Amino acid sequence: MSKASCIANPVRSVADWMPACQWSFNQARCFYYVGGDSMAVFQRTGVEMLRHHVSLIDNARRSWAISLDRIFSGESRLDSTAPAASHEYTITHVPVHASDGTVAYAAGFAYRAARPVPAAVELEFTALAVLQALDAERARTDRFLHDVIAQCLTSTGLELEVQRLELKALGMELPDRAWEIQRSLEEALNQIREFRVSEKKRTSE
């Protein structure tokens, strides 16, 4: 076997185990995370699905909702639906447990037909790693918005207020453009606050 073949085979092996798409539902049965090629599996982008209820992609038989019920109730450690055709996907859900043993999330994976599906414990570890990385990134983003962006906007707003007071002492007024800038700063700060509140609410669901 050539050196190129030795290198290529492990790569193909790893690729075979990668899901086409992966996601997770919170206890409210809403999408908490969506990654990978969601268009191929759901014909929707991850952004379109995020925070939406499972009914968005469910069928008339409520197959998805029933699968999630089995996972969240603890009835099943792995709930898998085999593909009906070669171009379809094996859809697999596994529970992601909280420290108290309850099921906090139902993680889903889509594998192309004929590709191997990892064991339930491997899928749960994978989903847990993704969720932990996601939470860490959201915490970092929240700190950046608060410690850098919000403080910078607040500082700029205060500078404008100082300028207004200094001009007022001289019997002058801020130009209209300066007032527009101050209103824009206040609106940006309000949007940051609303975003942080909505993110905290969503992550606590």
N, C-alpha and C. Protein backbone atom coordinates (compact mmCIF):
# COMPACT_ATOMS: atom_id res chain seq x y z
N MET A 1 0.85 -1.20 0.00
CA MET A 1 0.00 0.00 0.00
C MET A 1 0.88 1.24 0.00
N SER A 2 0.55 2.20 -0.87
CA SER A 2 1.36 3.41 -0.98
C SER A 2 1.15 4.31 0.22
N LYS A 3 2.10 5.26 0.37
CA LYS A 3 2.00 6.22 1.47
C LYS A 3 0.73 7.06 1.34
N ALA A 4 0.37 7.42 0.09
CA ALA A 4 -0.84 8.21 -0.14
C ALA A 4 -2.08 7.46 0.30
N SER A 5 -2.11 6.14 0.03
CA SER A 5 -3.26 5.33 0.42
C SER A 5 -3.37 5.24 1.93
N CYS A 6 -2.25 5.12 2.60
CA CYS A 6 -2.26 5.03 4.06
C CYS A 6 -2.83 6.30 4.68
N ILE A 7 -2.53 7.43 4.05
CA ILE A 7 -3.02 8.70 4.56
C ILE A 7 -4.49 8.87 4.23
N ALA A 8 -4.88 8.49 3.01
CA ALA A 8 -6.24 8.72 2.55
C ALA A 8 -7.26 7.85 3.29
N ASN A 9 -6.92 6.61 3.59
CA ASN A 9 -7.88 5.71 4.21
C ASN A 9 -8.39 6.19 5.56
N PRO A 10 -7.51 6.64 6.49
CA PRO A 10 -8.03 7.15 7.76
C PRO A 10 -8.92 8.37 7.57
N VAL A 11 -8.60 9.20 6.58
CA VAL A 11 -9.43 10.38 6.32
C VAL A 11 -10.81 9.95 5.88
N ARG A 12 -10.88 8.99 4.99
CA ARG A 12 -12.18 8.50 4.53
C ARG A 12 -12.93 7.85 5.69
N SER A 13 -12.22 7.17 6.54
CA SER A 13 -12.86 6.51 7.67
C SER A 13 -13.48 7.53 8.62
N VAL A 14 -12.76 8.60 8.91
CA VAL A 14 -13.29 9.66 9.78
C VAL A 14 -14.49 10.32 9.12
N ALA A 15 -14.39 10.59 7.82
CA ALA A 15 -15.48 11.25 7.09
C ALA A 15 -16.74 10.40 7.11
N ASP A 16 -16.57 9.08 7.04
CA ASP A 16 -17.73 8.19 7.06
C ASP A 16 -18.52 8.30 8.36
N TRP A 17 -17.86 8.67 9.46
CA TRP A 17 -18.52 8.74 10.75
C TRP A 17 -19.09 10.12 11.05
N MET A 18 -18.81 11.08 10.18
CA MET A 18 -19.32 12.43 10.39
C MET A 18 -20.78 12.53 9.96
N PRO A 19 -21.65 13.10 10.78
CA PRO A 19 -23.04 13.25 10.36
C PRO A 19 -23.18 14.34 9.31
N ALA A 20 -24.20 14.21 8.47
CA ALA A 20 -24.47 15.26 7.50
C ALA A 20 -24.99 16.51 8.20
N CYS A 21 -25.72 16.29 9.29
CA CYS A 21 -26.29 17.39 10.05
C CYS A 21 -26.48 16.93 11.48
N GLN A 22 -26.36 17.84 12.42
CA GLN A 22 -26.65 17.50 13.82
C GLN A 22 -27.35 18.68 14.48
N TRP A 23 -28.13 18.38 15.51
CA TRP A 23 -28.96 19.39 16.15
C TRP A 23 -29.28 18.95 17.57
N SER A 24 -29.94 19.81 18.32
CA SER A 24 -30.43 19.41 19.64
C SER A 24 -31.72 20.16 19.93
N PHE A 25 -32.58 19.50 20.69
CA PHE A 25 -33.84 20.08 21.15
C PHE A 25 -33.76 20.29 22.65
N ASN A 26 -34.34 21.39 23.13
CA ASN A 26 -34.46 21.55 24.58
C ASN A 26 -35.73 20.87 25.07
N GLN A 27 -36.03 20.95 26.35
CA GLN A 27 -37.18 20.23 26.90
C GLN A 27 -38.50 20.75 26.37
N ALA A 28 -38.52 21.98 25.85
CA ALA A 28 -39.73 22.52 25.25
C ALA A 28 -39.92 22.03 23.82
N ARG A 29 -39.02 21.12 23.38
CA ARG A 29 -39.06 20.56 22.02
C ARG A 29 -38.79 21.63 20.96
N CYS A 30 -37.95 22.60 21.31
CA CYS A 30 -37.54 23.64 20.36
C CYS A 30 -36.08 23.43 20.00
N PHE A 31 -35.73 23.75 18.76
CA PHE A 31 -34.34 23.62 18.32
C PHE A 31 -33.46 24.55 19.15
N TYR A 32 -32.43 23.97 19.77
CA TYR A 32 -31.48 24.73 20.57
C TYR A 32 -30.19 24.98 19.81
N TYR A 33 -29.89 24.07 18.91
CA TYR A 33 -28.66 24.15 18.11
C TYR A 33 -28.88 23.40 16.81
N VAL A 34 -28.37 23.92 15.71
CA VAL A 34 -28.42 23.23 14.41
C VAL A 34 -27.09 23.46 13.71
N GLY A 35 -26.44 22.38 13.28
CA GLY A 35 -25.17 22.50 12.59
C GLY A 35 -25.08 21.53 11.43
N GLY A 36 -24.19 21.81 10.51
CA GLY A 36 -24.03 20.93 9.36
C GLY A 36 -24.94 21.33 8.20
N ASP A 37 -25.19 20.39 7.31
CA ASP A 37 -25.95 20.66 6.09
C ASP A 37 -27.44 20.47 6.34
N SER A 38 -28.05 21.45 7.02
CA SER A 38 -29.47 21.33 7.34
C SER A 38 -30.35 21.43 6.10
N MET A 39 -29.88 22.12 5.06
CA MET A 39 -30.67 22.23 3.83
C MET A 39 -30.88 20.86 3.18
N ALA A 40 -29.86 20.02 3.22
CA ALA A 40 -29.97 18.70 2.61
C ALA A 40 -30.95 17.81 3.37
N VAL A 41 -30.99 17.96 4.67
CA VAL A 41 -31.83 17.09 5.51
C VAL A 41 -33.23 17.66 5.70
N PHE A 42 -33.32 18.96 5.96
CA PHE A 42 -34.60 19.58 6.31
C PHE A 42 -35.13 20.55 5.26
N GLN A 43 -34.32 20.88 4.26
CA GLN A 43 -34.69 21.91 3.28
C GLN A 43 -34.92 23.25 3.95
N ARG A 44 -34.24 23.48 5.05
CA ARG A 44 -34.31 24.75 5.78
C ARG A 44 -32.91 25.07 6.31
N THR A 45 -32.63 26.35 6.47
CA THR A 45 -31.36 26.73 7.07
C THR A 45 -31.44 26.58 8.59
N GLY A 46 -30.27 26.49 9.23
CA GLY A 46 -30.25 26.40 10.67
C GLY A 46 -30.88 27.61 11.34
N VAL A 47 -30.68 28.78 10.75
CA VAL A 47 -31.25 30.01 11.30
C VAL A 47 -32.77 29.95 11.28
N GLU A 48 -33.35 29.39 10.21
CA GLU A 48 -34.80 29.26 10.10
C GLU A 48 -35.37 28.32 11.16
N MET A 49 -34.58 27.35 11.58
CA MET A 49 -35.06 26.34 12.52
C MET A 49 -34.80 26.69 13.98
N LEU A 50 -33.74 27.44 14.23
CA LEU A 50 -33.32 27.74 15.59
C LEU A 50 -34.46 28.37 16.39
N ARG A 51 -34.69 27.83 17.60
CA ARG A 51 -35.71 28.29 18.54
C ARG A 51 -37.13 27.89 18.17
N HIS A 52 -37.31 27.26 17.00
CA HIS A 52 -38.65 26.86 16.58
C HIS A 52 -38.99 25.47 17.13
N HIS A 53 -40.29 25.23 17.31
CA HIS A 53 -40.78 23.96 17.83
C HIS A 53 -40.60 22.86 16.80
N VAL A 54 -40.53 21.62 17.28
CA VAL A 54 -40.34 20.47 16.39
C VAL A 54 -41.45 20.36 15.35
N SER A 55 -42.62 20.91 15.65
CA SER A 55 -43.74 20.85 14.70
C SER A 55 -43.38 21.51 13.36
N LEU A 56 -42.36 22.37 13.36
CA LEU A 56 -41.92 23.02 12.13
C LEU A 56 -41.49 22.01 11.08
N ILE A 57 -40.89 20.90 11.51
CA ILE A 57 -40.37 19.91 10.55
C ILE A 57 -41.06 18.55 10.69
N ASP A 58 -42.06 18.46 11.57
CA ASP A 58 -42.72 17.17 11.82
C ASP A 58 -43.68 16.81 10.69
N ASN A 59 -44.07 15.53 10.65
CA ASN A 59 -45.03 15.06 9.65
C ASN A 59 -46.40 14.84 10.28
N ALA A 60 -47.36 14.40 9.48
CA ALA A 60 -48.73 14.23 9.97
C ALA A 60 -48.82 13.18 11.06
N ARG A 61 -47.92 12.21 11.06
CA ARG A 61 -47.93 11.15 12.08
C ARG A 61 -47.23 11.58 13.36
N ARG A 62 -46.67 12.78 13.38
CA ARG A 62 -45.94 13.32 14.53
C ARG A 62 -44.75 12.42 14.91
N SER A 63 -44.10 11.89 13.89
CA SER A 63 -42.98 10.97 14.13
C SER A 63 -41.87 11.61 14.94
N TRP A 64 -41.56 12.87 14.64
CA TRP A 64 -40.49 13.55 15.35
C TRP A 64 -40.87 13.80 16.80
N ALA A 65 -42.07 14.28 17.03
CA ALA A 65 -42.51 14.57 18.40
C ALA A 65 -42.53 13.30 19.24
N ILE A 66 -42.99 12.21 18.65
CA ILE A 66 -43.04 10.94 19.37
C ILE A 66 -41.63 10.46 19.71
N SER A 67 -40.70 10.61 18.76
CA SER A 67 -39.31 10.23 19.01
C SER A 67 -38.73 11.03 20.17
N LEU A 68 -39.01 12.34 20.20
CA LEU A 68 -38.50 13.17 21.29
C LEU A 68 -39.14 12.80 22.62
N ASP A 69 -40.41 12.45 22.60
CA ASP A 69 -41.08 12.02 23.83
C ASP A 69 -40.40 10.79 24.41
N ARG A 70 -40.02 9.87 23.55
CA ARG A 70 -39.34 8.65 24.02
C ARG A 70 -37.99 8.99 24.65
N ILE A 71 -37.30 9.96 24.05
CA ILE A 71 -35.99 10.34 24.57
C ILE A 71 -36.13 11.07 25.90
N PHE A 72 -36.98 12.08 25.97
CA PHE A 72 -37.11 12.88 27.18
C PHE A 72 -37.74 12.11 28.34
N SER A 73 -38.55 11.12 28.03
CA SER A 73 -39.16 10.31 29.09
C SER A 73 -38.21 9.27 29.65
N GLY A 74 -37.08 9.07 28.98
CA GLY A 74 -36.12 8.05 29.42
C GLY A 74 -36.46 6.67 28.90
N GLU A 75 -37.47 6.60 28.04
CA GLU A 75 -37.90 5.30 27.50
C GLU A 75 -36.87 4.70 26.57
N SER A 76 -36.12 5.58 25.88
CA SER A 76 -35.16 5.08 24.89
C SER A 76 -33.81 5.76 25.06
N ARG A 77 -32.75 4.98 24.96
CA ARG A 77 -31.38 5.51 24.99
C ARG A 77 -30.95 5.95 23.61
N LEU A 78 -31.57 5.37 22.58
CA LEU A 78 -31.26 5.72 21.20
C LEU A 78 -32.50 5.45 20.37
N ASP A 79 -33.00 6.49 19.70
CA ASP A 79 -34.18 6.36 18.86
C ASP A 79 -33.76 6.63 17.42
N SER A 80 -33.86 5.62 16.58
CA SER A 80 -33.31 5.73 15.23
C SER A 80 -34.34 5.32 14.18
N THR A 81 -34.39 6.10 13.10
CA THR A 81 -35.27 5.81 11.97
C THR A 81 -34.41 5.55 10.75
N ALA A 82 -34.52 4.35 10.19
CA ALA A 82 -33.70 3.98 9.04
C ALA A 82 -34.20 4.69 7.79
N PRO A 83 -33.30 4.96 6.84
CA PRO A 83 -33.71 5.62 5.59
C PRO A 83 -34.58 4.70 4.74
N ALA A 84 -35.53 5.29 4.01
CA ALA A 84 -36.40 4.51 3.14
C ALA A 84 -35.82 4.35 1.74
N ALA A 85 -34.84 5.18 1.41
CA ALA A 85 -34.20 5.11 0.09
C ALA A 85 -32.74 5.47 0.22
N SER A 86 -31.97 5.14 -0.79
CA SER A 86 -30.52 5.33 -0.71
C SER A 86 -30.11 6.79 -0.56
N HIS A 87 -30.96 7.73 -0.99
CA HIS A 87 -30.59 9.13 -0.91
C HIS A 87 -31.06 9.78 0.39
N GLU A 88 -31.76 9.04 1.23
CA GLU A 88 -32.26 9.59 2.46
C GLU A 88 -31.28 9.36 3.61
N TYR A 89 -31.69 9.72 4.80
CA TYR A 89 -30.79 9.71 5.95
C TYR A 89 -31.34 8.86 7.09
N THR A 90 -30.41 8.30 7.85
CA THR A 90 -30.77 7.68 9.12
C THR A 90 -30.84 8.80 10.15
N ILE A 91 -32.00 8.97 10.78
CA ILE A 91 -32.20 10.01 11.78
C ILE A 91 -32.13 9.37 13.16
N THR A 92 -31.22 9.83 13.98
CA THR A 92 -30.98 9.25 15.29
C THR A 92 -31.05 10.31 16.38
N HIS A 93 -31.78 10.01 17.46
CA HIS A 93 -31.83 10.90 18.62
C HIS A 93 -31.30 10.17 19.86
N VAL A 94 -30.54 10.90 20.66
CA VAL A 94 -30.03 10.36 21.92
C VAL A 94 -30.25 11.40 23.02
N PRO A 95 -30.37 10.97 24.27
CA PRO A 95 -30.52 11.93 25.36
C PRO A 95 -29.18 12.53 25.78
N VAL A 96 -29.21 13.78 26.20
CA VAL A 96 -28.05 14.41 26.82
C VAL A 96 -28.46 14.72 28.25
N HIS A 97 -27.80 14.08 29.20
CA HIS A 97 -28.22 14.16 30.60
C HIS A 97 -27.58 15.32 31.34
N ALA A 98 -28.35 15.90 32.24
CA ALA A 98 -27.84 16.92 33.15
C ALA A 98 -27.13 16.23 34.31
N SER A 99 -26.48 17.01 35.17
CA SER A 99 -25.72 16.42 36.28
C SER A 99 -26.63 15.67 37.26
N ASP A 100 -27.92 16.03 37.31
CA ASP A 100 -28.84 15.35 38.22
C ASP A 100 -29.47 14.10 37.61
N GLY A 101 -29.05 13.76 36.39
CA GLY A 101 -29.54 12.54 35.75
C GLY A 101 -30.74 12.74 34.84
N THR A 102 -31.35 13.92 34.88
CA THR A 102 -32.50 14.18 34.01
C THR A 102 -32.02 14.43 32.58
N VAL A 103 -32.94 14.27 31.65
CA VAL A 103 -32.60 14.51 30.25
C VAL A 103 -32.79 16.00 29.97
N ALA A 104 -31.69 16.69 29.71
CA ALA A 104 -31.73 18.13 29.47
C ALA A 104 -31.99 18.45 28.01
N TYR A 105 -31.43 17.63 27.12
CA TYR A 105 -31.57 17.86 25.68
C TYR A 105 -31.74 16.52 24.96
N ALA A 106 -32.35 16.60 23.79
CA ALA A 106 -32.37 15.46 22.88
C ALA A 106 -31.51 15.85 21.68
N ALA A 107 -30.42 15.14 21.51
CA ALA A 107 -29.49 15.46 20.41
C ALA A 107 -29.82 14.60 19.21
N GLY A 108 -29.81 15.21 18.04
CA GLY A 108 -30.14 14.49 16.81
C GLY A 108 -29.00 14.49 15.82
N PHE A 109 -28.92 13.42 15.04
CA PHE A 109 -27.87 13.26 14.04
C PHE A 109 -28.48 12.67 12.78
N ALA A 110 -28.03 13.14 11.63
CA ALA A 110 -28.47 12.59 10.34
C ALA A 110 -27.26 12.00 9.62
N TYR A 111 -27.32 10.70 9.34
CA TYR A 111 -26.26 10.01 8.61
C TYR A 111 -26.80 9.52 7.28
N ARG A 112 -26.00 9.67 6.25
CA ARG A 112 -26.41 9.17 4.94
C ARG A 112 -26.59 7.66 4.99
N ALA A 113 -27.48 7.18 4.12
CA ALA A 113 -27.74 5.74 4.05
C ALA A 113 -26.45 4.98 3.80
N ALA A 114 -26.33 3.82 4.45
CA ALA A 114 -25.19 2.91 4.30
C ALA A 114 -23.96 3.37 5.06
N ARG A 115 -24.00 4.53 5.69
CA ARG A 115 -22.86 4.95 6.51
C ARG A 115 -23.06 4.49 7.95
N PRO A 116 -21.98 4.17 8.64
CA PRO A 116 -22.12 3.66 10.01
C PRO A 116 -22.61 4.74 10.97
N VAL A 117 -23.40 4.34 11.95
CA VAL A 117 -23.89 5.25 12.98
C VAL A 117 -23.20 4.87 14.30
N PRO A 118 -22.53 5.80 14.97
CA PRO A 118 -21.85 5.48 16.22
C PRO A 118 -22.83 4.99 17.28
N ALA A 119 -22.28 4.39 18.34
CA ALA A 119 -23.10 3.92 19.45
C ALA A 119 -23.70 5.10 20.20
N ALA A 120 -24.76 4.82 20.98
CA ALA A 120 -25.48 5.88 21.69
C ALA A 120 -24.57 6.67 22.61
N VAL A 121 -23.67 5.97 23.33
CA VAL A 121 -22.80 6.66 24.28
C VAL A 121 -21.84 7.61 23.54
N GLU A 122 -21.38 7.22 22.36
CA GLU A 122 -20.49 8.08 21.58
C GLU A 122 -21.23 9.31 21.07
N LEU A 123 -22.47 9.11 20.63
CA LEU A 123 -23.27 10.23 20.16
C LEU A 123 -23.57 11.21 21.29
N GLU A 124 -23.85 10.67 22.48
CA GLU A 124 -24.15 11.56 23.61
C GLU A 124 -22.92 12.38 23.99
N PHE A 125 -21.75 11.76 24.01
CA PHE A 125 -20.52 12.50 24.32
C PHE A 125 -20.25 13.58 23.27
N THR A 126 -20.50 13.24 21.99
CA THR A 126 -20.32 14.22 20.92
C THR A 126 -21.26 15.40 21.10
N ALA A 127 -22.54 15.10 21.37
CA ALA A 127 -23.53 16.16 21.55
C ALA A 127 -23.19 17.02 22.77
N LEU A 128 -22.75 16.39 23.85
CA LEU A 128 -22.40 17.13 25.06
C LEU A 128 -21.23 18.08 24.80
N ALA A 129 -20.24 17.60 24.03
CA ALA A 129 -19.09 18.46 23.70
C ALA A 129 -19.52 19.66 22.87
N VAL A 130 -20.42 19.44 21.92
CA VAL A 130 -20.92 20.54 21.08
C VAL A 130 -21.68 21.55 21.93
N LEU A 131 -22.54 21.07 22.82
CA LEU A 131 -23.33 21.96 23.67
C LEU A 131 -22.44 22.76 24.63
N GLN A 132 -21.42 22.10 25.17
CA GLN A 132 -20.50 22.81 26.07
C GLN A 132 -19.73 23.90 25.31
N ALA A 133 -19.29 23.56 24.10
CA ALA A 133 -18.59 24.56 23.28
C ALA A 133 -19.51 25.71 22.91
N LEU A 134 -20.77 25.38 22.62
CA LEU A 134 -21.76 26.40 22.28
C LEU A 134 -22.01 27.33 23.46
N ASP A 135 -22.18 26.75 24.65
CA ASP A 135 -22.41 27.57 25.84
C ASP A 135 -21.21 28.46 26.14
N ALA A 136 -20.00 27.92 25.96
CA ALA A 136 -18.79 28.70 26.21
C ALA A 136 -18.70 29.87 25.22
N GLU A 137 -19.04 29.62 23.96
CA GLU A 137 -19.00 30.68 22.95
C GLU A 137 -20.04 31.75 23.24
N ARG A 138 -21.22 31.33 23.68
CA ARG A 138 -22.27 32.30 24.00
C ARG A 138 -21.87 33.14 25.21
N ALA A 139 -21.23 32.51 26.18
CA ALA A 139 -20.77 33.26 27.36
C ALA A 139 -19.69 34.27 26.95
N ARG A 140 -18.78 33.85 26.06
CA ARG A 140 -17.73 34.75 25.58
C ARG A 140 -18.35 35.93 24.81
N THR A 141 -19.35 35.63 23.97
CA THR A 141 -20.03 36.69 23.22
C THR A 141 -20.73 37.65 24.15
N ASP A 142 -21.38 37.11 25.19
CA ASP A 142 -22.09 37.95 26.14
C ASP A 142 -21.11 38.89 26.88
N ARG A 143 -19.95 38.34 27.27
CA ARG A 143 -18.95 39.17 27.95
C ARG A 143 -18.41 40.25 27.02
N PHE A 144 -18.21 39.88 25.75
CA PHE A 144 -17.70 40.86 24.78
C PHE A 144 -18.70 41.99 24.57
N LEU A 145 -19.99 41.62 24.45
CA LEU A 145 -21.02 42.65 24.25
C LEU A 145 -21.09 43.59 25.45
N HIS A 146 -20.96 43.01 26.65
CA HIS A 146 -21.07 43.83 27.86
C HIS A 146 -19.80 44.61 28.14
N ASP A 147 -18.67 43.92 28.10
CA ASP A 147 -17.41 44.53 28.54
C ASP A 147 -16.78 45.44 27.50
N VAL A 148 -17.06 45.20 26.24
CA VAL A 148 -16.41 45.99 25.20
C VAL A 148 -17.41 46.89 24.47
N ILE A 149 -18.37 46.28 23.81
CA ILE A 149 -19.28 47.06 22.96
C ILE A 149 -20.15 48.00 23.78
N ALA A 150 -20.84 47.44 24.79
CA ALA A 150 -21.76 48.27 25.58
C ALA A 150 -21.01 49.39 26.30
N GLN A 151 -19.85 49.09 26.86
CA GLN A 151 -19.10 50.12 27.58
C GLN A 151 -18.57 51.19 26.62
N CYS A 152 -18.19 50.78 25.42
CA CYS A 152 -17.72 51.75 24.42
C CYS A 152 -18.86 52.68 24.01
N LEU A 153 -20.03 52.10 23.78
CA LEU A 153 -21.19 52.92 23.41
C LEU A 153 -21.58 53.87 24.54
N THR A 154 -21.55 53.36 25.78
CA THR A 154 -21.88 54.19 26.94
C THR A 154 -20.89 55.34 27.08
N SER A 155 -19.61 55.03 26.91
CA SER A 155 -18.57 56.06 27.01
C SER A 155 -18.75 57.15 25.96
N THR A 156 -19.08 56.72 24.72
CA THR A 156 -19.31 57.70 23.65
C THR A 156 -20.51 58.57 23.96
N GLY A 157 -21.57 57.95 24.50
CA GLY A 157 -22.76 58.70 24.88
C GLY A 157 -22.46 59.73 25.96
N LEU A 158 -21.63 59.34 26.92
CA LEU A 158 -21.25 60.27 27.98
C LEU A 158 -20.43 61.44 27.44
N GLU A 159 -19.56 61.15 26.48
CA GLU A 159 -18.77 62.22 25.85
C GLU A 159 -19.67 63.24 25.16
N LEU A 160 -20.70 62.73 24.49
CA LEU A 160 -21.64 63.64 23.84
C LEU A 160 -22.40 64.48 24.87
N GLU A 161 -22.74 63.85 25.99
CA GLU A 161 -23.46 64.58 27.04
C GLU A 161 -22.58 65.68 27.64
N VAL A 162 -21.29 65.37 27.81
CA VAL A 162 -20.35 66.39 28.31
C VAL A 162 -20.27 67.55 27.32
N GLN A 163 -20.19 67.22 26.04
CA GLN A 163 -20.14 68.26 25.00
C GLN A 163 -21.41 69.11 25.03
N ARG A 164 -22.56 68.46 25.25
CA ARG A 164 -23.82 69.20 25.30
C ARG A 164 -23.81 70.20 26.46
N LEU A 165 -23.35 69.72 27.63
CA LEU A 165 -23.33 70.60 28.80
C LEU A 165 -22.35 71.76 28.61
N GLU A 166 -21.20 71.46 28.00
CA GLU A 166 -20.22 72.53 27.76
C GLU A 166 -20.76 73.57 26.78
N LEU A 167 -21.44 73.11 25.73
CA LEU A 167 -22.02 74.03 24.77
C LEU A 167 -23.16 74.84 25.39
N LYS A 168 -23.95 74.15 26.25
CA LYS A 168 -25.06 74.84 26.92
C LYS A 168 -24.54 75.98 27.80
N ALA A 169 -23.39 75.75 28.47
CA ALA A 169 -22.80 76.78 29.33
C ALA A 169 -22.36 77.99 28.51
N LEU A 170 -22.09 77.73 27.22
CA LEU A 170 -21.68 78.84 26.33
C LEU A 170 -22.87 79.43 25.58
N GLY A 171 -24.09 78.96 25.94
CA GLY A 171 -25.28 79.46 25.27
C GLY A 171 -25.48 78.87 23.89
N MET A 172 -24.91 77.66 23.65
CA MET A 172 -25.04 77.02 22.34
C MET A 172 -25.72 75.66 22.50
N GLU A 173 -26.16 75.09 21.39
CA GLU A 173 -26.82 73.79 21.39
C GLU A 173 -26.03 72.80 20.53
N LEU A 174 -26.20 71.51 20.85
CA LEU A 174 -25.60 70.48 20.01
C LEU A 174 -26.22 70.51 18.62
N PRO A 175 -25.43 70.30 17.58
CA PRO A 175 -26.00 70.21 16.23
C PRO A 175 -27.00 69.04 16.15
N ASP A 176 -27.93 69.13 15.22
CA ASP A 176 -28.94 68.07 15.05
C ASP A 176 -28.28 66.72 14.81
N ARG A 177 -27.19 66.71 14.07
CA ARG A 177 -26.51 65.45 13.76
C ARG A 177 -26.02 64.78 15.04
N ALA A 178 -25.55 65.58 16.00
CA ALA A 178 -25.07 65.02 17.26
C ALA A 178 -26.21 64.37 18.03
N TRP A 179 -27.41 65.00 17.98
CA TRP A 179 -28.57 64.39 18.64
C TRP A 179 -28.94 63.06 17.99
N GLU A 180 -28.83 63.00 16.68
CA GLU A 180 -29.13 61.75 15.96
C GLU A 180 -28.15 60.65 16.37
N ILE A 181 -26.89 61.01 16.52
CA ILE A 181 -25.87 60.04 16.94
C ILE A 181 -26.18 59.54 18.35
N GLN A 182 -26.58 60.44 19.24
CA GLN A 182 -26.88 60.04 20.61
C GLN A 182 -28.08 59.10 20.65
N ARG A 183 -29.10 59.39 19.84
CA ARG A 183 -30.26 58.49 19.79
C ARG A 183 -29.87 57.12 19.23
N SER A 184 -28.99 57.11 18.25
CA SER A 184 -28.53 55.84 17.68
C SER A 184 -27.76 55.03 18.71
N LEU A 185 -26.94 55.70 19.52
CA LEU A 185 -26.20 55.02 20.58
C LEU A 185 -27.15 54.40 21.60
N GLU A 186 -28.17 55.14 21.98
CA GLU A 186 -29.15 54.64 22.95
C GLU A 186 -29.90 53.43 22.39
N GLU A 187 -30.26 53.49 21.10
CA GLU A 187 -30.95 52.38 20.47
C GLU A 187 -30.06 51.14 20.41
N ALA A 188 -28.79 51.32 20.08
CA ALA A 188 -27.85 50.20 20.04
C ALA A 188 -27.70 49.56 21.41
N LEU A 189 -27.61 50.39 22.46
CA LEU A 189 -27.51 49.86 23.82
C LEU A 189 -28.77 49.08 24.20
N ASN A 190 -29.94 49.59 23.83
CA ASN A 190 -31.19 48.89 24.12
C ASN A 190 -31.24 47.54 23.42
N GLN A 191 -30.76 47.47 22.18
CA GLN A 191 -30.75 46.21 21.44
C GLN A 191 -29.81 45.20 22.08
N ILE A 192 -28.67 45.67 22.57
CA ILE A 192 -27.73 44.77 23.25
C ILE A 192 -28.37 44.22 24.53
N ARG A 193 -29.03 45.09 25.29
CA ARG A 193 -29.70 44.64 26.52
C ARG A 193 -30.78 43.61 26.21
N GLU A 194 -31.59 43.89 25.19
CA GLU A 194 -32.66 42.96 24.81
C GLU A 194 -32.09 41.63 24.34
N PHE A 195 -31.00 41.69 23.59
CA PHE A 195 -30.37 40.45 23.11
C PHE A 195 -29.86 39.62 24.28
N ARG A 196 -29.21 40.26 25.24
CA ARG A 196 -28.66 39.54 26.39
C ARG A 196 -29.78 38.92 27.21
N VAL A 197 -30.88 39.64 27.39
CA VAL A 197 -32.02 39.11 28.16
C VAL A 197 -32.63 37.92 27.44
N SER A 198 -32.82 38.04 26.12
CA SER A 198 -33.42 36.94 25.35
C SER A 198 -32.52 35.72 25.35
N GLU A 199 -31.19 35.91 25.27
CA GLU A 199 -30.27 34.79 25.30
C GLU A 199 -30.28 34.08 26.64
N LYS A 200 -30.32 34.85 27.73
CA LYS A 200 -30.37 34.24 29.06
C LYS A 200 -31.67 33.47 29.26
N LYS A 201 -32.77 34.03 28.75
CA LYS A 201 -34.06 33.36 28.86
C LYS A 201 -34.06 32.07 28.07
N ARG A 202 -33.50 32.11 26.85
CA ARG A 202 -33.49 30.93 26.01
C ARG A 202 -32.63 29.82 26.57
N THR A 203 -31.45 30.17 27.10
CA THR A 203 -30.55 29.16 27.62
C THR A 203 -31.08 28.55 28.93
N SER A 204 -31.97 29.27 29.61
CA SER A 204 -32.53 28.72 30.85
C SER A 204 -33.74 27.84 30.61
N GLU A 205 -34.26 27.83 29.37
CA GLU A 205 -35.44 27.02 29.07
C GLU A 205 -35.08 25.54 29.01
